[in-house]
Amino acid sequence: MWLLNDVPERDPGFAYRALLVIFPVAAITIGFFVWCLVFLSIWIALTVGIAVMALGFIGVLAAVNRIMLGKTPRDRDR
């Protein structure tokens, strides 16, 4: 539950939706990196793998940023 305590203003459903994006992208990225290590030479695999991991990280940031809404000021609503 530590993940949900960081931003108490948001609905916990947003954190669960973010996890549904993070885990598949991480699995695909790491899988592609392992595939590169098996089928390509080590230097090409490391270069391509690092580039794909960076793109996956940027993709996760962009996707989670679209999922998460801005903080809603609930104190003003009361």
PDB file of N, CA and C in Angstrom:
ATOM      1  N   MET A   1       0.803  -1.194   0.000  1.00  0.00           N
ATOM      2  CA  MET A   1       0.000   0.000   0.000  1.00  0.00           C
ATOM      3  C   MET A   1       0.851   1.267   0.000  1.00  0.00           C
ATOM      4  N   TRP A   2       2.174   1.131   0.042  1.00  0.00           N
ATOM      5  CA  TRP A   2       3.033   2.310   0.038  1.00  0.00           C
ATOM      6  C   TRP A   2       2.871   3.101  -1.239  1.00  0.00           C
ATOM      7  N   LEU A   3       2.542   2.438  -2.337  1.00  0.00           N
ATOM      8  CA  LEU A   3       2.395   3.125  -3.617  1.00  0.00           C
ATOM      9  C   LEU A   3       1.219   4.081  -3.577  1.00  0.00           C
ATOM     10  N   LEU A   4       0.169   3.701  -2.902  1.00  0.00           N
ATOM     11  CA  LEU A   4      -1.036   4.517  -2.899  1.00  0.00           C
ATOM     12  C   LEU A   4      -0.969   5.647  -1.879  1.00  0.00           C
ATOM     13  N   ASN A   5      -0.035   5.615  -0.959  1.00  0.00           N
ATOM     14  CA  ASN A   5       0.059   6.647   0.061  1.00  0.00           C
ATOM     15  C   ASN A   5       0.834   7.876  -0.392  1.00  0.00           C
ATOM     16  N   ASP A   6       1.524   7.802  -1.526  1.00  0.00           N
ATOM     17  CA  ASP A   6       2.309   8.942  -1.988  1.00  0.00           C
ATOM     18  C   ASP A   6       1.429  10.115  -2.385  1.00  0.00           C
ATOM     19  N   VAL A   7       0.316   9.836  -3.043  1.00  0.00           N
ATOM     20  CA  VAL A   7      -0.558  10.888  -3.548  1.00  0.00           C
ATOM     21  C   VAL A   7      -1.972  10.604  -3.051  1.00  0.00           C
ATOM     22  N   PRO A   8      -2.294  11.019  -1.847  1.00  0.00           N
ATOM     23  CA  PRO A   8      -3.608  10.671  -1.301  1.00  0.00           C
ATOM     24  C   PRO A   8      -4.761  11.402  -1.968  1.00  0.00           C
ATOM     25  N   GLU A   9      -4.497  12.449  -2.760  1.00  0.00           N
ATOM     26  CA  GLU A   9      -5.576  13.186  -3.395  1.00  0.00           C
ATOM     27  C   GLU A   9      -6.200  12.423  -4.558  1.00  0.00           C
ATOM     28  N   ARG A  10      -5.460  11.484  -5.122  1.00  0.00           N
ATOM     29  CA  ARG A  10      -5.941  10.756  -6.296  1.00  0.00           C
ATOM     30  C   ARG A  10      -6.621   9.466  -5.880  1.00  0.00           C
ATOM     31  N   ASP A  11      -7.525   9.032  -6.714  1.00  0.00           N
ATOM     32  CA  ASP A  11      -8.210   7.767  -6.504  1.00  0.00           C
ATOM     33  C   ASP A  11      -7.214   6.624  -6.667  1.00  0.00           C
ATOM     34  N   PRO A  12      -7.251   5.598  -5.818  1.00  0.00           N
ATOM     35  CA  PRO A  12      -6.302   4.483  -5.942  1.00  0.00           C
ATOM     36  C   PRO A  12      -6.403   3.751  -7.278  1.00  0.00           C
ATOM     37  N   GLY A  13      -7.516   3.875  -7.962  1.00  0.00           N
ATOM     38  CA  GLY A  13      -7.652   3.228  -9.264  1.00  0.00           C
ATOM     39  C   GLY A  13      -6.645   3.719 -10.278  1.00  0.00           C
ATOM     40  N   PHE A  14      -6.218   4.972 -10.157  1.00  0.00           N
ATOM     41  CA  PHE A  14      -5.217   5.495 -11.082  1.00  0.00           C
ATOM     42  C   PHE A  14      -3.888   4.769 -10.920  1.00  0.00           C
ATOM     43  N   ALA A  15      -3.512   4.457  -9.700  1.00  0.00           N
ATOM     44  CA  ALA A  15      -2.258   3.736  -9.473  1.00  0.00           C
ATOM     45  C   ALA A  15      -2.339   2.330 -10.052  1.00  0.00           C
ATOM     46  N   TYR A  16      -3.478   1.682  -9.924  1.00  0.00           N
ATOM     47  CA  TYR A  16      -3.627   0.336 -10.485  1.00  0.00           C
ATOM     48  C   TYR A  16      -3.581   0.371 -12.012  1.00  0.00           C
ATOM     49  N   ARG A  17      -4.181   1.387 -12.615  1.00  0.00           N
ATOM     50  CA  ARG A  17      -4.114   1.511 -14.077  1.00  0.00           C
ATOM     51  C   ARG A  17      -2.685   1.789 -14.526  1.00  0.00           C
ATOM     52  N   ALA A  18      -1.949   2.558 -13.748  1.00  0.00           N
ATOM     53  CA  ALA A  18      -0.556   2.830 -14.097  1.00  0.00           C
ATOM     54  C   ALA A  18       0.269   1.546 -14.044  1.00  0.00           C
ATOM     55  N   LEU A  19      -0.006   0.709 -13.047  1.00  0.00           N
ATOM     56  CA  LEU A  19       0.712  -0.571 -12.964  1.00  0.00           C
ATOM     57  C   LEU A  19       0.378  -1.474 -14.144  1.00  0.00           C
ATOM     58  N   LEU A  20      -0.846  -1.371 -14.669  1.00  0.00           N
ATOM     59  CA  LEU A  20      -1.216  -2.167 -15.842  1.00  0.00           C
ATOM     60  C   LEU A  20      -0.460  -1.721 -17.087  1.00  0.00           C
ATOM     61  N   VAL A  21       0.085  -0.533 -17.081  1.00  0.00           N
ATOM     62  CA  VAL A  21       0.924  -0.067 -18.185  1.00  0.00           C
ATOM     63  C   VAL A  21       2.384  -0.414 -17.933  1.00  0.00           C
ATOM     64  N   ILE A  22       2.824  -0.240 -16.709  1.00  0.00           N
ATOM     65  CA  ILE A  22       4.251  -0.394 -16.392  1.00  0.00           C
ATOM     66  C   ILE A  22       4.719  -1.829 -16.579  1.00  0.00           C
ATOM     67  N   PHE A  23       3.987  -2.800 -16.042  1.00  0.00           N
ATOM     68  CA  PHE A  23       4.451  -4.187 -16.088  1.00  0.00           C
ATOM     69  C   PHE A  23       4.540  -4.763 -17.506  1.00  0.00           C
ATOM     70  N   PRO A  24       3.543  -4.593 -18.374  1.00  0.00           N
ATOM     71  CA  PRO A  24       3.712  -5.138 -19.735  1.00  0.00           C
ATOM     72  C   PRO A  24       4.831  -4.468 -20.529  1.00  0.00           C
ATOM     73  N   VAL A  25       4.955  -3.151 -20.398  1.00  0.00           N
ATOM     74  CA  VAL A  25       6.026  -2.471 -21.138  1.00  0.00           C
ATOM     75  C   VAL A  25       7.397  -2.922 -20.630  1.00  0.00           C
ATOM     76  N   ALA A  26       7.528  -3.084 -19.318  1.00  0.00           N
ATOM     77  CA  ALA A  26       8.799  -3.564 -18.762  1.00  0.00           C
ATOM     78  C   ALA A  26       9.095  -4.985 -19.231  1.00  0.00           C
ATOM     79  N   ALA A  27       8.087  -5.846 -19.255  1.00  0.00           N
ATOM     80  CA  ALA A  27       8.303  -7.227 -19.697  1.00  0.00           C
ATOM     81  C   ALA A  27       8.699  -7.285 -21.172  1.00  0.00           C
ATOM     82  N   ILE A  28       8.042  -6.505 -22.007  1.00  0.00           N
ATOM     83  CA  ILE A  28       8.368  -6.479 -23.435  1.00  0.00           C
ATOM     84  C   ILE A  28       9.772  -5.931 -23.655  1.00  0.00           C
ATOM     85  N   THR A  29      10.119  -4.880 -22.949  1.00  0.00           N
ATOM     86  CA  THR A  29      11.437  -4.267 -23.102  1.00  0.00           C
ATOM     87  C   THR A  29      12.552  -5.215 -22.665  1.00  0.00           C
ATOM     88  N   ILE A  30      12.383  -5.834 -21.522  1.00  0.00           N
ATOM     89  CA  ILE A  30      13.404  -6.770 -21.036  1.00  0.00           C
ATOM     90  C   ILE A  30      13.463  -8.005 -21.929  1.00  0.00           C
ATOM     91  N   GLY A  31      12.324  -8.460 -22.403  1.00  0.00           N
ATOM     92  CA  GLY A  31      12.301  -9.591 -23.327  1.00  0.00           C
ATOM     93  C   GLY A  31      13.035  -9.288 -24.624  1.00  0.00           C
ATOM     94  N   PHE A  32      12.829  -8.093 -25.161  1.00  0.00           N
ATOM     95  CA  PHE A  32      13.543  -7.714 -26.382  1.00  0.00           C
ATOM     96  C   PHE A  32      15.036  -7.614 -26.127  1.00  0.00           C
ATOM     97  N   PHE A  33      15.422  -7.113 -24.955  1.00  0.00           N
ATOM     98  CA  PHE A  33      16.836  -7.024 -24.605  1.00  0.00           C
ATOM     99  C   PHE A  33      17.463  -8.412 -24.513  1.00  0.00           C
ATOM    100  N   VAL A  34      16.784  -9.348 -23.911  1.00  0.00           N
ATOM    101  CA  VAL A  34      17.296 -10.725 -23.819  1.00  0.00           C
ATOM    102  C   VAL A  34      17.370 -11.353 -25.203  1.00  0.00           C
ATOM    103  N   TRP A  35      16.362 -11.092 -26.045  1.00  0.00           N
ATOM    104  CA  TRP A  35      16.386 -11.606 -27.414  1.00  0.00           C
ATOM    105  C   TRP A  35      17.598 -11.059 -28.161  1.00  0.00           C
ATOM    106  N   CYS A  36      17.871  -9.780 -27.997  1.00  0.00           N
ATOM    107  CA  CYS A  36      19.048  -9.185 -28.646  1.00  0.00           C
ATOM    108  C   CYS A  36      20.336  -9.840 -28.162  1.00  0.00           C
ATOM    109  N   LEU A  37      20.415 -10.118 -26.865  1.00  0.00           N
ATOM    110  CA  LEU A  37      21.621 -10.753 -26.336  1.00  0.00           C
ATOM    111  C   LEU A  37      21.831 -12.150 -26.902  1.00  0.00           C
ATOM    112  N   VAL A  38      20.737 -12.852 -27.194  1.00  0.00           N
ATOM    113  CA  VAL A  38      20.847 -14.218 -27.703  1.00  0.00           C
ATOM    114  C   VAL A  38      21.199 -14.227 -29.188  1.00  0.00           C
ATOM    115  N   PHE A  39      20.575 -13.358 -29.976  1.00  0.00           N
ATOM    116  CA  PHE A  39      20.692 -13.461 -31.424  1.00  0.00           C
ATOM    117  C   PHE A  39      21.639 -12.463 -32.082  1.00  0.00           C
ATOM    118  N   LEU A  40      22.107 -11.465 -31.364  1.00  0.00           N
ATOM    119  CA  LEU A  40      23.006 -10.482 -31.957  1.00  0.00           C
ATOM    120  C   LEU A  40      24.355 -10.533 -31.247  1.00  0.00           C
ATOM    121  N   SER A  41      25.324  -9.889 -31.837  1.00  0.00           N
ATOM    122  CA  SER A  41      26.621  -9.820 -31.150  1.00  0.00           C
ATOM    123  C   SER A  41      26.469  -8.945 -29.905  1.00  0.00           C
ATOM    124  N   ILE A  42      27.382  -9.105 -28.986  1.00  0.00           N
ATOM    125  CA  ILE A  42      27.228  -8.481 -27.669  1.00  0.00           C
ATOM    126  C   ILE A  42      27.201  -6.963 -27.763  1.00  0.00           C
ATOM    127  N   TRP A  43      28.014  -6.345 -28.606  1.00  0.00           N
ATOM    128  CA  TRP A  43      28.068  -4.884 -28.673  1.00  0.00           C
ATOM    129  C   TRP A  43      26.823  -4.313 -29.325  1.00  0.00           C
ATOM    130  N   ILE A  44      26.353  -4.963 -30.360  1.00  0.00           N
ATOM    131  CA  ILE A  44      25.112  -4.509 -30.994  1.00  0.00           C
ATOM    132  C   ILE A  44      23.939  -4.723 -30.049  1.00  0.00           C
ATOM    133  N   ALA A  45      23.930  -5.852 -29.362  1.00  0.00           N
ATOM    134  CA  ALA A  45      22.836  -6.156 -28.442  1.00  0.00           C
ATOM    135  C   ALA A  45      22.790  -5.163 -27.288  1.00  0.00           C
ATOM    136  N   LEU A  46      23.944  -4.819 -26.741  1.00  0.00           N
ATOM    137  CA  LEU A  46      23.965  -3.850 -25.644  1.00  0.00           C
ATOM    138  C   LEU A  46      23.506  -2.474 -26.103  1.00  0.00           C
ATOM    139  N   THR A  47      23.950  -2.059 -27.281  1.00  0.00           N
ATOM    140  CA  THR A  47      23.553  -0.751 -27.804  1.00  0.00           C
ATOM    141  C   THR A  47      22.059  -0.699 -28.084  1.00  0.00           C
ATOM    142  N   VAL A  48      21.562  -1.693 -28.806  1.00  0.00           N
ATOM    143  CA  VAL A  48      20.140  -1.721 -29.141  1.00  0.00           C
ATOM    144  C   VAL A  48      19.305  -1.932 -27.877  1.00  0.00           C
ATOM    145  N   GLY A  49      19.750  -2.792 -26.993  1.00  0.00           N
ATOM    146  CA  GLY A  49      19.010  -3.055 -25.764  1.00  0.00           C
ATOM    147  C   GLY A  49      18.894  -1.835 -24.873  1.00  0.00           C
ATOM    148  N   ILE A  50      19.968  -1.094 -24.734  1.00  0.00           N
ATOM    149  CA  ILE A  50      19.922   0.125 -23.920  1.00  0.00           C
ATOM    150  C   ILE A  50      19.011   1.163 -24.569  1.00  0.00           C
ATOM    151  N   ALA A  51      19.065   1.269 -25.885  1.00  0.00           N
ATOM    152  CA  ALA A  51      18.192   2.217 -26.582  1.00  0.00           C
ATOM    153  C   ALA A  51      16.715   1.823 -26.425  1.00  0.00           C
ATOM    154  N   VAL A  52      16.429   0.541 -26.522  1.00  0.00           N
ATOM    155  CA  VAL A  52      15.043   0.086 -26.382  1.00  0.00           C
ATOM    156  C   VAL A  52      14.566   0.265 -24.945  1.00  0.00           C
ATOM    157  N   MET A  53      15.416   0.025 -23.979  1.00  0.00           N
ATOM    158  CA  MET A  53      15.025   0.256 -22.585  1.00  0.00           C
ATOM    159  C   MET A  53      14.756   1.734 -22.324  1.00  0.00           C
ATOM    160  N   ALA A  54      15.553   2.604 -22.914  1.00  0.00           N
ATOM    161  CA  ALA A  54      15.315   4.040 -22.757  1.00  0.00           C
ATOM    162  C   ALA A  54      13.988   4.436 -23.403  1.00  0.00           C
ATOM    163  N   LEU A  55      13.707   3.908 -24.586  1.00  0.00           N
ATOM    164  CA  LEU A  55      12.425   4.197 -25.243  1.00  0.00           C
ATOM    165  C   LEU A  55      11.256   3.640 -24.443  1.00  0.00           C
ATOM    166  N   GLY A  56      11.433   2.461 -23.868  1.00  0.00           N
ATOM    167  CA  GLY A  56      10.384   1.894 -23.025  1.00  0.00           C
ATOM    168  C   GLY A  56      10.133   2.741 -21.794  1.00  0.00           C
ATOM    169  N   PHE A  57      11.200   3.249 -21.181  1.00  0.00           N
ATOM    170  CA  PHE A  57      11.062   4.109 -20.015  1.00  0.00           C
ATOM    171  C   PHE A  57      10.330   5.399 -20.373  1.00  0.00           C
ATOM    172  N   ILE A  58      10.697   6.003 -21.490  1.00  0.00           N
ATOM    173  CA  ILE A  58      10.023   7.225 -21.930  1.00  0.00           C
ATOM    174  C   ILE A  58       8.571   6.933 -22.279  1.00  0.00           C
ATOM    175  N   GLY A  59       8.319   5.785 -22.903  1.00  0.00           N
ATOM    176  CA  GLY A  59       6.947   5.403 -23.212  1.00  0.00           C
ATOM    177  C   GLY A  59       6.098   5.197 -21.971  1.00  0.00           C
ATOM    178  N   VAL A  60       6.679   4.582 -20.944  1.00  0.00           N
ATOM    179  CA  VAL A  60       5.947   4.398 -19.681  1.00  0.00           C
ATOM    180  C   VAL A  60       5.650   5.747 -19.046  1.00  0.00           C
ATOM    181  N   LEU A  61       6.628   6.644 -19.036  1.00  0.00           N
ATOM    182  CA  LEU A  61       6.393   7.964 -18.468  1.00  0.00           C
ATOM    183  C   LEU A  61       5.276   8.699 -19.206  1.00  0.00           C
ATOM    184  N   ALA A  62       5.279   8.623 -20.533  1.00  0.00           N
ATOM    185  CA  ALA A  62       4.243   9.307 -21.308  1.00  0.00           C
ATOM    186  C   ALA A  62       2.869   8.680 -21.069  1.00  0.00           C
ATOM    187  N   ALA A  63       2.809   7.352 -21.029  1.00  0.00           N
ATOM    188  CA  ALA A  63       1.525   6.682 -20.834  1.00  0.00           C
ATOM    189  C   ALA A  63       0.962   6.923 -19.438  1.00  0.00           C
ATOM    190  N   VAL A  64       1.809   6.840 -18.429  1.00  0.00           N
ATOM    191  CA  VAL A  64       1.341   7.065 -17.061  1.00  0.00           C
ATOM    192  C   VAL A  64       0.954   8.528 -16.866  1.00  0.00           C
ATOM    193  N   ASN A  65       1.655   9.429 -17.519  1.00  0.00           N
ATOM    194  CA  ASN A  65       1.305  10.842 -17.429  1.00  0.00           C
ATOM    195  C   ASN A  65      -0.084  11.094 -18.014  1.00  0.00           C
ATOM    196  N   ARG A  66      -0.452  10.377 -19.061  1.00  0.00           N
ATOM    197  CA  ARG A  66      -1.792  10.535 -19.638  1.00  0.00           C
ATOM    198  C   ARG A  66      -2.857   9.888 -18.769  1.00  0.00           C
ATOM    199  N   ILE A  67      -2.496   8.815 -18.056  1.00  0.00           N
ATOM    200  CA  ILE A  67      -3.468   8.128 -17.204  1.00  0.00           C
ATOM    201  C   ILE A  67      -3.762   8.943 -15.950  1.00  0.00           C
ATOM    202  N   MET A  68      -2.708   9.432 -15.325  1.00  0.00           N
ATOM    203  CA  MET A  68      -2.870  10.142 -14.058  1.00  0.00           C
ATOM    204  C   MET A  68      -3.417  11.534 -14.311  1.00  0.00           C
ATOM    205  N   LEU A  69      -4.450  11.871 -13.612  1.00  0.00           N
ATOM    206  CA  LEU A  69      -5.002  13.214 -13.705  1.00  0.00           C
ATOM    207  C   LEU A  69      -4.203  14.143 -12.806  1.00  0.00           C
ATOM    208  N   GLY A  70      -4.408  15.417 -12.993  1.00  0.00           N
ATOM    209  CA  GLY A  70      -3.766  16.372 -12.105  1.00  0.00           C
ATOM    210  C   GLY A  70      -4.333  16.245 -10.701  1.00  0.00           C
ATOM    211  N   LYS A  71      -3.592  16.736  -9.748  1.00  0.00           N
ATOM    212  CA  LYS A  71      -4.057  16.652  -8.363  1.00  0.00           C
ATOM    213  C   LYS A  71      -5.335  17.474  -8.212  1.00  0.00           C
ATOM    214  N   THR A  72      -6.301  16.908  -7.590  1.00  0.00           N
ATOM    215  CA  THR A  72      -7.552  17.627  -7.373  1.00  0.00           C
ATOM    216  C   THR A  72      -7.542  18.197  -5.953  1.00  0.00           C
ATOM    217  N   PRO A  73      -7.748  19.481  -5.828  1.00  0.00           N
ATOM    218  CA  PRO A  73      -7.728  20.087  -4.486  1.00  0.00           C
ATOM    219  C   PRO A  73      -9.023  19.802  -3.729  1.00  0.00           C
ATOM    220  N   ARG A  74      -9.070  18.709  -3.025  1.00  0.00           N
ATOM    221  CA  ARG A  74     -10.277  18.331  -2.291  1.00  0.00           C
ATOM    222  C   ARG A  74     -10.512  19.206  -1.075  1.00  0.00           C
ATOM    223  N   ASP A  75      -9.464  19.837  -0.573  1.00  0.00           N
ATOM    224  CA  ASP A  75      -9.664  20.705   0.591  1.00  0.00           C
ATOM    225  C   ASP A  75     -10.536  21.911   0.245  1.00  0.00           C
ATOM    226  N   ARG A  76     -10.433  22.398  -0.971  1.00  0.00           N
ATOM    227  CA  ARG A  76     -11.243  23.545  -1.374  1.00  0.00           C
ATOM    228  C   ARG A  76     -12.692  23.156  -1.607  1.00  0.00           C
ATOM    229  N   ASP A  77     -12.920  21.875  -1.940  1.00  0.00           N
ATOM    230  CA  ASP A  77     -14.279  21.418  -2.207  1.00  0.00           C
ATOM    231  C   ASP A  77     -15.112  21.313  -0.929  1.00  0.00           C
ATOM    232  N   ARG A  78     -14.482  21.159   0.191  1.00  0.00           N
ATOM    233  CA  ARG A  78     -15.204  20.956   1.437  1.00  0.00           C
ATOM    234  C   ARG A  78     -15.726  22.227   2.032  1.00  0.00           C
TER     235      ARG A  78
END
